[in-house]
Structures are given as structure tokens and as C-alpha cells.
PDB file of N, CA and C in Angstrom:
ATOM      1  N   MET A   1     -62.547  82.533  94.347  1.00  0.00           N
ATOM      2  CA  MET A   1     -62.703  83.191  93.004  1.00  0.00           C
ATOM      3  C   MET A   1     -64.429  83.697  93.094  1.00  0.00           C
ATOM      4  N   SER A   2     -64.701  84.715  93.075  1.00  0.00           N
ATOM      5  CA  SER A   2     -66.273  85.029  92.791  1.00  0.00           C
ATOM      6  C   SER A   2     -66.331  84.669  91.220  1.00  0.00           C
ATOM      7  N   ALA A   3     -67.834  84.397  91.519  1.00  0.00           N
ATOM      8  CA  ALA A   3     -68.490  84.233  90.487  1.00  0.00           C
ATOM      9  C   ALA A   3     -69.233  85.000  89.346  1.00  0.00           C
ATOM     10  N   ASP A   4     -68.499  86.287  89.380  1.00  0.00           N
ATOM     11  CA  ASP A   4     -68.437  87.025  88.364  1.00  0.00           C
ATOM     12  C   ASP A   4     -67.726  88.024  87.807  1.00  0.00           C
ATOM     13  N   VAL A   5     -66.201  87.316  88.024  1.00  0.00           N
ATOM     14  CA  VAL A   5     -65.087  87.189  87.653  1.00  0.00           C
ATOM     15  C   VAL A   5     -64.730  86.822  85.910  1.00  0.00           C
ATOM     16  N   SER A   6     -64.693  87.439  85.642  1.00  0.00           N
ATOM     17  CA  SER A   6     -64.084  86.440  84.172  1.00  0.00           C
ATOM     18  C   SER A   6     -62.536  85.968  83.999  1.00  0.00           C
ATOM     19  N   ILE A   7     -62.729  84.903  83.531  1.00  0.00           N
ATOM     20  CA  ILE A   7     -61.559  84.748  82.950  1.00  0.00           C
ATOM     21  C   ILE A   7     -60.799  84.440  81.398  1.00  0.00           C
ATOM     22  N   PHE A   8     -60.218  84.475  80.842  1.00  0.00           N
ATOM     23  CA  PHE A   8     -59.735  84.514  79.313  1.00  0.00           C
ATOM     24  C   PHE A   8     -58.466  83.957  79.334  1.00  0.00           C
ATOM     25  N   ILE A   9     -58.287  82.688  78.374  1.00  0.00           N
ATOM     26  CA  ILE A   9     -56.891  82.714  78.316  1.00  0.00           C
ATOM     27  C   ILE A   9     -57.007  82.264  76.639  1.00  0.00           C
ATOM     28  N   SER A  10     -55.698  82.851  76.074  1.00  0.00           N
ATOM     29  CA  SER A  10     -55.592  82.724  75.071  1.00  0.00           C
ATOM     30  C   SER A  10     -54.201  82.245  74.609  1.00  0.00           C
ATOM     31  N   LYS A  11     -53.860  81.443  73.670  1.00  0.00           N
ATOM     32  CA  LYS A  11     -52.725  80.784  72.978  1.00  0.00           C
ATOM     33  C   LYS A  11     -52.463  81.505  71.552  1.00  0.00           C
ATOM     34  N   PHE A  12     -51.186  81.650  71.295  1.00  0.00           N
ATOM     35  CA  PHE A  12     -50.424  82.486  70.571  1.00  0.00           C
ATOM     36  C   PHE A  12     -49.738  81.115  69.848  1.00  0.00           C
ATOM     37  N   ILE A  13     -50.304  80.994  68.198  1.00  0.00           N
ATOM     38  CA  ILE A  13     -50.213  79.751  67.830  1.00  0.00           C
ATOM     39  C   ILE A  13     -49.176  80.231  66.313  1.00  0.00           C
ATOM     40  N   THR A  14     -47.869  79.610  66.253  1.00  0.00           N
ATOM     41  CA  THR A  14     -47.334  80.039  65.304  1.00  0.00           C
ATOM     42  C   THR A  14     -47.665  79.604  64.231  1.00  0.00           C
ATOM     43  N   ASN A  15     -47.139  80.383  62.703  1.00  0.00           N
ATOM     44  CA  ASN A  15     -46.899  79.872  61.371  1.00  0.00           C
ATOM     45  C   ASN A  15     -48.175  79.644  60.656  1.00  0.00           C
ATOM     46  N   THR A  16     -49.021  80.222  61.269  1.00  0.00           N
ATOM     47  CA  THR A  16     -50.727  80.207  60.842  1.00  0.00           C
ATOM     48  C   THR A  16     -51.341  80.873  59.918  1.00  0.00           C
ATOM     49  N   LYS A  17     -51.735  80.473  59.202  1.00  0.00           N
ATOM     50  CA  LYS A  17     -52.341  81.573  57.762  1.00  0.00           C
ATOM     51  C   LYS A  17     -53.894  82.039  58.237  1.00  0.00           C
ATOM     52  N   GLU A  18     -54.154  83.301  58.119  1.00  0.00           N
ATOM     53  CA  GLU A  18     -55.372  83.985  58.609  1.00  0.00           C
ATOM     54  C   GLU A  18     -55.586  83.975  57.027  1.00  0.00           C
ATOM     55  N   ILE A  19     -57.454  83.613  57.366  1.00  0.00           N
ATOM     56  CA  ILE A  19     -58.065  83.777  56.301  1.00  0.00           C
ATOM     57  C   ILE A  19     -59.377  84.512  56.665  1.00  0.00           C
ATOM     58  N   ASP A  20     -59.673  85.303  55.789  1.00  0.00           N
ATOM     59  CA  ASP A  20     -61.244  85.934  55.888  1.00  0.00           C
ATOM     60  C   ASP A  20     -62.565  85.408  55.099  1.00  0.00           C
ATOM     61  N   VAL A  21     -63.569  85.625  55.278  1.00  0.00           N
ATOM     62  CA  VAL A  21     -64.735  85.338  55.286  1.00  0.00           C
ATOM     63  C   VAL A  21     -65.767  86.349  54.883  1.00  0.00           C
ATOM     64  N   ASP A  22     -65.934  87.264  53.614  1.00  0.00           N
ATOM     65  CA  ASP A  22     -67.335  87.920  53.837  1.00  0.00           C
ATOM     66  C   ASP A  22     -68.318  87.160  53.156  1.00  0.00           C
ATOM     67  N   ALA A  23     -69.549  87.391  53.830  1.00  0.00           N
ATOM     68  CA  ALA A  23     -70.654  86.476  53.135  1.00  0.00           C
ATOM     69  C   ALA A  23     -71.693  87.090  53.189  1.00  0.00           C
ATOM     70  N   VAL A  24     -72.845  87.068  52.382  1.00  0.00           N
ATOM     71  CA  VAL A  24     -74.316  87.501  52.061  1.00  0.00           C
ATOM     72  C   VAL A  24     -75.347  86.183  52.560  1.00  0.00           C
ATOM     73  N   THR A  25     -75.999  86.306  53.850  1.00  0.00           N
ATOM     74  CA  THR A  25     -76.646  85.522  54.013  1.00  0.00           C
ATOM     75  C   THR A  25     -78.147  85.946  54.095  1.00  0.00           C
ATOM     76  N   TYR A  26     -79.023  84.934  54.243  1.00  0.00           N
ATOM     77  CA  TYR A  26     -80.604  85.002  54.386  1.00  0.00           C
ATOM     78  C   TYR A  26     -81.096  84.131  55.219  1.00  0.00           C
ATOM     79  N   ALA A  27     -81.903  84.528  56.040  1.00  0.00           N
ATOM     80  CA  ALA A  27     -82.319  83.185  57.165  1.00  0.00           C
ATOM     81  C   ALA A  27     -81.233  82.004  57.742  1.00  0.00           C
ATOM     82  N   GLY A  28     -80.073  82.271  57.669  1.00  0.00           N
ATOM     83  CA  GLY A  28     -78.858  81.297  58.080  1.00  0.00           C
ATOM     84  C   GLY A  28     -78.276  80.775  56.620  1.00  0.00           C
ATOM     85  N   CYS A  29     -78.731  80.913  55.800  1.00  0.00           N
ATOM     86  CA  CYS A  29     -78.352  80.532  54.444  1.00  0.00           C
ATOM     87  C   CYS A  29     -76.920  80.997  53.522  1.00  0.00           C
ATOM     88  N   VAL A  30     -76.360  81.154  53.358  1.00  0.00           N
ATOM     89  CA  VAL A  30     -75.156  81.737  52.687  1.00  0.00           C
ATOM     90  C   VAL A  30     -75.649  81.860  51.262  1.00  0.00           C
ATOM     91  N   VAL A  31     -76.046  83.258  50.940  1.00  0.00           N
ATOM     92  CA  VAL A  31     -76.146  82.963  49.607  1.00  0.00           C
ATOM     93  C   VAL A  31     -74.998  83.210  48.676  1.00  0.00           C
ATOM     94  N   VAL A  32     -74.304  83.938  49.403  1.00  0.00           N
ATOM     95  CA  VAL A  32     -72.554  84.385  48.473  1.00  0.00           C
ATOM     96  C   VAL A  32     -71.587  84.735  49.356  1.00  0.00           C
ATOM     97  N   SER A  33     -70.813  83.987  48.714  1.00  0.00           N
ATOM     98  CA  SER A  33     -69.158  84.029  50.116  1.00  0.00           C
ATOM     99  C   SER A  33     -68.040  84.572  49.586  1.00  0.00           C
ATOM    100  N   ALA A  34     -67.208  85.199  49.713  1.00  0.00           N
ATOM    101  CA  ALA A  34     -65.708  85.329  49.391  1.00  0.00           C
ATOM    102  C   ALA A  34     -64.481  85.055  50.032  1.00  0.00           C
ATOM    103  N   ILE A  35     -63.669  84.236  49.694  1.00  0.00           N
ATOM    104  CA  ILE A  35     -62.727  84.164  50.982  1.00  0.00           C
ATOM    105  C   ILE A  35     -61.241  84.137  50.644  1.00  0.00           C
ATOM    106  N   THR A  36     -60.796  85.526  51.526  1.00  0.00           N
ATOM    107  CA  THR A  36     -59.522  86.187  51.344  1.00  0.00           C
ATOM    108  C   THR A  36     -58.882  85.552  51.827  1.00  0.00           C
ATOM    109  N   GLU A  37     -57.321  85.351  51.820  1.00  0.00           N
ATOM    110  CA  GLU A  37     -56.464  84.842  52.402  1.00  0.00           C
ATOM    111  C   GLU A  37     -55.183  86.137  52.644  1.00  0.00           C
ATOM    112  N   HIS A  38     -54.861  85.881  53.966  1.00  0.00           N
ATOM    113  CA  HIS A  38     -53.854  87.185  54.425  1.00  0.00           C
ATOM    114  C   HIS A  38     -52.402  86.922  54.013  1.00  0.00           C
ATOM    115  N   VAL A  39     -51.928  87.360  53.100  1.00  0.00           N
ATOM    116  CA  VAL A  39     -50.056  87.353  52.955  1.00  0.00           C
ATOM    117  C   VAL A  39     -49.709  87.527  54.096  1.00  0.00           C
ATOM    118  N   GLU A  40     -49.456  87.966  55.061  1.00  0.00           N
ATOM    119  CA  GLU A  40     -48.816  87.762  56.008  1.00  0.00           C
ATOM    120  C   GLU A  40     -49.477  86.358  57.155  1.00  0.00           C
ATOM    121  N   ASN A  41     -48.327  86.046  57.682  1.00  0.00           N
ATOM    122  CA  ASN A  41     -48.961  85.108  58.873  1.00  0.00           C
ATOM    123  C   ASN A  41     -50.173  85.546  60.163  1.00  0.00           C
ATOM    124  N   ALA A  42     -50.868  84.913  60.568  1.00  0.00           N
ATOM    125  CA  ALA A  42     -51.600  85.553  61.656  1.00  0.00           C
ATOM    126  C   ALA A  42     -51.325  86.003  62.830  1.00  0.00           C
ATOM    127  N   GLY A  43     -51.686  86.904  63.238  1.00  0.00           N
ATOM    128  CA  GLY A  43     -50.761  88.551  64.366  1.00  0.00           C
ATOM    129  C   GLY A  43     -51.197  89.486  63.790  1.00  0.00           C
ATOM    130  N   VAL A  44     -51.042  89.904  62.650  1.00  0.00           N
ATOM    131  CA  VAL A  44     -50.806  90.722  62.026  1.00  0.00           C
ATOM    132  C   VAL A  44     -52.188  91.486  62.107  1.00  0.00           C
ATOM    133  N   HIS A  45     -52.646  92.914  62.444  1.00  0.00           N
ATOM    134  CA  HIS A  45     -53.707  93.326  62.831  1.00  0.00           C
ATOM    135  C   HIS A  45     -54.284  93.586  61.352  1.00  0.00           C
ATOM    136  N   SER A  46     -55.498  93.332  61.526  1.00  0.00           N
ATOM    137  CA  SER A  46     -56.291  93.225  59.869  1.00  0.00           C
ATOM    138  C   SER A  46     -56.034  94.854  59.346  1.00  0.00           C
ATOM    139  N   GLY A  47     -56.222  95.837  59.992  1.00  0.00           N
ATOM    140  CA  GLY A  47     -56.048  97.057  59.536  1.00  0.00           C
ATOM    141  C   GLY A  47     -54.892  97.177  58.699  1.00  0.00           C
ATOM    142  N   ASP A  48     -53.455  96.394  59.122  1.00  0.00           N
ATOM    143  CA  ASP A  48     -52.429  96.606  58.950  1.00  0.00           C
ATOM    144  C   ASP A  48     -52.348  95.594  57.717  1.00  0.00           C
ATOM    145  N   ALA A  49     -52.661  94.304  57.302  1.00  0.00           N
ATOM    146  CA  ALA A  49     -52.577  93.685  56.778  1.00  0.00           C
ATOM    147  C   ALA A  49     -52.761  93.274  55.228  1.00  0.00           C
ATOM    148  N   THR A  50     -52.387  92.669  54.357  1.00  0.00           N
ATOM    149  CA  THR A  50     -52.529  92.554  52.674  1.00  0.00           C
ATOM    150  C   THR A  50     -53.487  91.378  52.616  1.00  0.00           C
ATOM    151  N   LEU A  51     -54.067  91.122  51.761  1.00  0.00           N
ATOM    152  CA  LEU A  51     -55.112  90.455  51.619  1.00  0.00           C
ATOM    153  C   LEU A  51     -55.277  89.687  50.233  1.00  0.00           C
ATOM    154  N   VAL A  52     -55.764  88.837  49.424  1.00  0.00           N
ATOM    155  CA  VAL A  52     -55.133  88.649  47.638  1.00  0.00           C
ATOM    156  C   VAL A  52     -56.919  87.571  47.599  1.00  0.00           C
ATOM    157  N   LEU A  53     -57.391  87.409  46.902  1.00  0.00           N
ATOM    158  CA  LEU A  53     -58.166  86.591  46.319  1.00  0.00           C
ATOM    159  C   LEU A  53     -58.133  86.597  44.940  1.00  0.00           C
ATOM    160  N   PRO A  54     -58.033  85.692  44.395  1.00  0.00           N
ATOM    161  CA  PRO A  54     -58.357  84.163  44.885  1.00  0.00           C
ATOM    162  C   PRO A  54     -56.889  83.861  46.411  1.00  0.00           C
ATOM    163  N   VAL A  55     -57.433  82.904  47.133  1.00  0.00           N
ATOM    164  CA  VAL A  55     -56.595  82.169  47.702  1.00  0.00           C
ATOM    165  C   VAL A  55     -55.336  81.965  47.288  1.00  0.00           C
ATOM    166  N   GLN A  56     -54.335  82.256  47.593  1.00  0.00           N
ATOM    167  CA  GLN A  56     -52.911  81.331  46.950  1.00  0.00           C
ATOM    168  C   GLN A  56     -52.137  79.779  47.599  1.00  0.00           C
ATOM    169  N   ASP A  57     -52.366  80.180  49.050  1.00  0.00           N
ATOM    170  CA  ASP A  57     -51.665  79.186  49.615  1.00  0.00           C
ATOM    171  C   ASP A  57     -52.400  78.021  50.347  1.00  0.00           C
ATOM    172  N   LEU A  58     -53.854  78.354  50.259  1.00  0.00           N
ATOM    173  CA  LEU A  58     -55.119  77.308  50.815  1.00  0.00           C
ATOM    174  C   LEU A  58     -55.045  76.114  50.093  1.00  0.00           C
ATOM    175  N   ASP A  59     -54.648  74.768  50.743  1.00  0.00           N
ATOM    176  CA  ASP A  59     -55.360  73.788  49.922  1.00  0.00           C
ATOM    177  C   ASP A  59     -56.728  73.602  49.934  1.00  0.00           C
ATOM    178  N   GLN A  60     -57.315  72.652  49.263  1.00  0.00           N
ATOM    179  CA  GLN A  60     -59.064  72.502  48.664  1.00  0.00           C
ATOM    180  C   GLN A  60     -59.594  71.739  49.949  1.00  0.00           C
ATOM    181  N   THR A  61     -58.268  71.055  51.016  1.00  0.00           N
ATOM    182  CA  THR A  61     -59.369  70.271  51.781  1.00  0.00           C
ATOM    183  C   THR A  61     -59.334  71.824  52.863  1.00  0.00           C
ATOM    184  N   THR A  62     -58.426  72.748  53.227  1.00  0.00           N
ATOM    185  CA  THR A  62     -58.863  73.714  54.024  1.00  0.00           C
ATOM    186  C   THR A  62     -59.706  74.440  53.725  1.00  0.00           C
ATOM    187  N   ILE A  63     -60.150  74.781  52.412  1.00  0.00           N
ATOM    188  CA  ILE A  63     -60.930  75.526  51.957  1.00  0.00           C
ATOM    189  C   ILE A  63     -62.827  74.697  52.007  1.00  0.00           C
ATOM    190  N   GLU A  64     -62.390  73.629  51.639  1.00  0.00           N
ATOM    191  CA  GLU A  64     -63.762  72.876  51.649  1.00  0.00           C
ATOM    192  C   GLU A  64     -64.098  73.314  53.504  1.00  0.00           C
ATOM    193  N   LYS A  65     -63.441  72.883  54.210  1.00  0.00           N
ATOM    194  CA  LYS A  65     -63.557  73.319  55.721  1.00  0.00           C
ATOM    195  C   LYS A  65     -63.668  74.910  56.674  1.00  0.00           C
ATOM    196  N   ILE A  66     -63.380  75.905  55.658  1.00  0.00           N
ATOM    197  CA  ILE A  66     -63.980  76.529  55.787  1.00  0.00           C
ATOM    198  C   ILE A  66     -64.987  77.243  55.061  1.00  0.00           C
ATOM    199  N   GLN A  67     -65.883  76.850  53.875  1.00  0.00           N
ATOM    200  CA  GLN A  67     -66.886  76.645  53.639  1.00  0.00           C
ATOM    201  C   GLN A  67     -67.873  75.996  54.522  1.00  0.00           C
ATOM    202  N   GLU A  68     -67.788  75.014  54.806  1.00  0.00           N
ATOM    203  CA  GLU A  68     -68.345  74.236  55.776  1.00  0.00           C
ATOM    204  C   GLU A  68     -68.573  75.065  57.025  1.00  0.00           C
ATOM    205  N   ALA A  69     -67.691  74.962  57.484  1.00  0.00           N
ATOM    206  CA  ALA A  69     -67.862  76.017  58.941  1.00  0.00           C
ATOM    207  C   ALA A  69     -68.465  77.282  58.940  1.00  0.00           C
ATOM    208  N   THR A  70     -68.760  78.309  57.624  1.00  0.00           N
ATOM    209  CA  THR A  70     -69.263  79.298  57.729  1.00  0.00           C
ATOM    210  C   THR A  70     -71.038  79.135  57.314  1.00  0.00           C
ATOM    211  N   ARG A  71     -70.680  78.041  56.651  1.00  0.00           N
ATOM    212  CA  ARG A  71     -72.390  77.746  56.383  1.00  0.00           C
ATOM    213  C   ARG A  71     -73.035  77.155  57.737  1.00  0.00           C
ATOM    214  N   VAL A  72     -71.990  76.154  58.465  1.00  0.00           N
ATOM    215  CA  VAL A  72     -72.683  76.182  60.019  1.00  0.00           C
ATOM    216  C   VAL A  72     -72.825  77.564  61.067  1.00  0.00           C
ATOM    217  N   ILE A  73     -71.893  77.854  60.741  1.00  0.00           N
ATOM    218  CA  ILE A  73     -71.779  79.170  61.388  1.00  0.00           C
ATOM    219  C   ILE A  73     -73.141  80.338  61.785  1.00  0.00           C
ATOM    220  N   ALA A  74     -73.275  80.270  60.320  1.00  0.00           N
ATOM    221  CA  ALA A  74     -74.054  81.465  59.688  1.00  0.00           C
ATOM    222  C   ALA A  74     -75.748  80.542  60.058  1.00  0.00           C
ATOM    223  N   LEU A  75     -76.211  79.503  59.833  1.00  0.00           N
ATOM    224  CA  LEU A  75     -77.066  78.619  59.813  1.00  0.00           C
ATOM    225  C   LEU A  75     -77.729  78.425  61.591  1.00  0.00           C
ATOM    226  N   GLN A  76     -76.512  78.509  62.398  1.00  0.00           N
ATOM    227  CA  GLN A  76     -76.825  78.310  63.412  1.00  0.00           C
ATOM    228  C   GLN A  76     -77.146  79.391  64.462  1.00  0.00           C
ATOM    229  N   LEU A  77     -76.593  80.563  63.803  1.00  0.00           N
ATOM    230  CA  LEU A  77     -76.660  81.765  64.214  1.00  0.00           C
ATOM    231  C   LEU A  77     -78.316  82.819  63.909  1.00  0.00           C
ATOM    232  N   ILE A  78     -78.560  81.946  62.967  1.00  0.00           N
ATOM    233  CA  ILE A  78     -79.688  82.448  61.941  1.00  0.00           C
ATOM    234  C   ILE A  78     -79.409  83.826  61.434  1.00  0.00           C
ATOM    235  N   VAL A  79     -78.299  83.774  60.316  1.00  0.00           N
ATOM    236  CA  VAL A  79     -78.166  85.827  60.251  1.00  0.00           C
ATOM    237  C   VAL A  79     -78.706  85.576  59.028  1.00  0.00           C
ATOM    238  N   SER A  80     -79.430  86.830  59.064  1.00  0.00           N
ATOM    239  CA  SER A  80     -79.691  87.827  57.593  1.00  0.00           C
ATOM    240  C   SER A  80     -78.711  88.844  57.291  1.00  0.00           C
ATOM    241  N   GLY A  81     -78.517  88.782  55.873  1.00  0.00           N
ATOM    242  CA  GLY A  81     -77.718  89.922  56.399  1.00  0.00           C
ATOM    243  C   GLY A  81     -75.739  89.677  56.105  1.00  0.00           C
ATOM    244  N   PRO A  82     -75.300  90.775  56.368  1.00  0.00           N
ATOM    245  CA  PRO A  82     -73.570  90.575  55.875  1.00  0.00           C
ATOM    246  C   PRO A  82     -72.837  89.886  57.236  1.00  0.00           C
ATOM    247  N   LEU A  83     -72.308  88.878  56.561  1.00  0.00           N
ATOM    248  CA  LEU A  83     -71.210  88.482  58.123  1.00  0.00           C
ATOM    249  C   LEU A  83     -69.639  88.175  57.544  1.00  0.00           C
ATOM    250  N   ASN A  84     -68.931  88.580  58.318  1.00  0.00           N
ATOM    251  CA  ASN A  84     -67.838  87.993  58.598  1.00  0.00           C
ATOM    252  C   ASN A  84     -66.709  87.460  59.136  1.00  0.00           C
ATOM    253  N   ILE A  85     -65.950  86.243  59.007  1.00  0.00           N
ATOM    254  CA  ILE A  85     -65.666  85.265  60.247  1.00  0.00           C
ATOM    255  C   ILE A  85     -64.399  85.534  59.474  1.00  0.00           C
ATOM    256  N   GLN A  86     -62.898  85.562  60.776  1.00  0.00           N
ATOM    257  CA  GLN A  86     -61.947  85.427  60.626  1.00  0.00           C
ATOM    258  C   GLN A  86     -61.503  83.920  61.154  1.00  0.00           C
ATOM    259  N   PHE A  87     -60.635  83.479  60.477  1.00  0.00           N
ATOM    260  CA  PHE A  87     -60.126  82.109  60.882  1.00  0.00           C
ATOM    261  C   PHE A  87     -58.548  81.797  60.964  1.00  0.00           C
ATOM    262  N   ILE A  88     -58.219  81.034  61.598  1.00  0.00           N
ATOM    263  CA  ILE A  88     -56.469  80.663  61.112  1.00  0.00           C
ATOM    264  C   ILE A  88     -56.537  79.271  60.383  1.00  0.00           C
ATOM    265  N   ALA A  89     -55.751  79.072  59.792  1.00  0.00           N
ATOM    266  CA  ALA A  89     -55.503  77.581  59.583  1.00  0.00           C
ATOM    267  C   ALA A  89     -53.978  77.074  59.336  1.00  0.00           C
ATOM    268  N   LYS A  90     -53.767  75.788  59.878  1.00  0.00           N
ATOM    269  CA  LYS A  90     -52.138  75.342  60.079  1.00  0.00           C
ATOM    270  C   LYS A  90     -52.681  73.572  59.697  1.00  0.00           C
ATOM    271  N   ASP A  91     -52.055  73.248  58.857  1.00  0.00           N
ATOM    272  CA  ASP A  91     -51.913  72.171  58.792  1.00  0.00           C
ATOM    273  C   ASP A  91     -53.436  71.409  58.430  1.00  0.00           C
ATOM    274  N   ASP A  92     -54.434  71.939  57.612  1.00  0.00           N
ATOM    275  CA  ASP A  92     -55.650  71.157  57.593  1.00  0.00           C
ATOM    276  C   ASP A  92     -56.618  71.615  58.825  1.00  0.00           C
ATOM    277  N   GLU A  93     -56.043  72.250  59.347  1.00  0.00           N
ATOM    278  CA  GLU A  93     -56.807  72.831  60.931  1.00  0.00           C
ATOM    279  C   GLU A  93     -57.670  73.703  60.788  1.00  0.00           C
ATOM    280  N   ILE A  94     -58.582  74.148  61.130  1.00  0.00           N
ATOM    281  CA  ILE A  94     -59.193  75.710  61.365  1.00  0.00           C
ATOM    282  C   ILE A  94     -59.488  75.854  62.393  1.00  0.00           C
ATOM    283  N   LYS A  95     -59.546  77.176  63.744  1.00  0.00           N
ATOM    284  CA  LYS A  95     -60.419  77.693  63.972  1.00  0.00           C
ATOM    285  C   LYS A  95     -60.779  78.992  63.718  1.00  0.00           C
ATOM    286  N   VAL A  96     -61.910  79.321  64.902  1.00  0.00           N
ATOM    287  CA  VAL A  96     -62.407  80.468  64.420  1.00  0.00           C
ATOM    288  C   VAL A  96     -62.010  81.635  65.253  1.00  0.00           C
ATOM    289  N   ILE A  97     -61.683  82.648  64.755  1.00  0.00           N
ATOM    290  CA  ILE A  97     -60.835  83.642  66.122  1.00  0.00           C
ATOM    291  C   ILE A  97     -61.814  84.956  65.956  1.00  0.00           C
ATOM    292  N   GLU A  98     -62.404  85.302  65.190  1.00  0.00           N
ATOM    293  CA  GLU A  98     -64.035  86.339  65.291  1.00  0.00           C
ATOM    294  C   GLU A  98     -64.419  85.884  64.130  1.00  0.00           C
ATOM    295  N   CYS A  99     -66.065  86.748  64.535  1.00  0.00           N
ATOM    296  CA  CYS A  99     -67.130  86.033  63.754  1.00  0.00           C
ATOM    297  C   CYS A  99     -67.974  88.196  64.147  1.00  0.00           C
ATOM    298  N   ASN A 100     -68.267  88.386  62.997  1.00  0.00           N
ATOM    299  CA  ASN A 100     -69.078  89.336  62.943  1.00  0.00           C
ATOM    300  C   ASN A 100     -70.283  89.569  62.217  1.00  0.00           C
TER     301      ASN A 100
END
């Protein structure tokens, strides 16, 4: 295989919740943030999804993990301005699926 070929491997995880975090940051510090939860399971395109605020089906442990991950990502990327991170969550485990 040539070194200039990219390979992307993806895994579909069933029965997961999709969560969006919208934040405003300054020099990597989160100034304000909001966590919204998709009503549908993960896999529905965001443009077609219904989101609720405040979250309805996430337990406190998952919320705290999302808040901490958001803080760490903003700090590591040294973001100043708006930040959107999309997570999936299942059984108190979270994964980042997109960060803008």
C-alpha cells in the first residue's frame, strides 16, 4: 500500500444517544455552554433531528463526562469563539463524533 493512501474505519454503535454541546470559549476556557440531547437515537442526520434542552434522558455521570470532555477539548485546541462538539453516549461511556 502506498503511504499517501488514507484509510477510514468506522463502527456503527446501536442504541446510543447523540448529544450536542454548544459553547463560547476564550483562550481555551469555556465561558458558557449548553448541552442538548437528540430525541432520536444517534444516526439521524443533525439537520433532521429534534433536540431538547434541558436534557431528558442523560444521567449526571454522563453529563459530567461531557462537560469535562468539552473543557479539555477547548483547552487543548485553544479555541476562542464558538465551539460545537457532538457526542454519542451509551452506558455512561461517551465518544466524540464531531468537533467544529
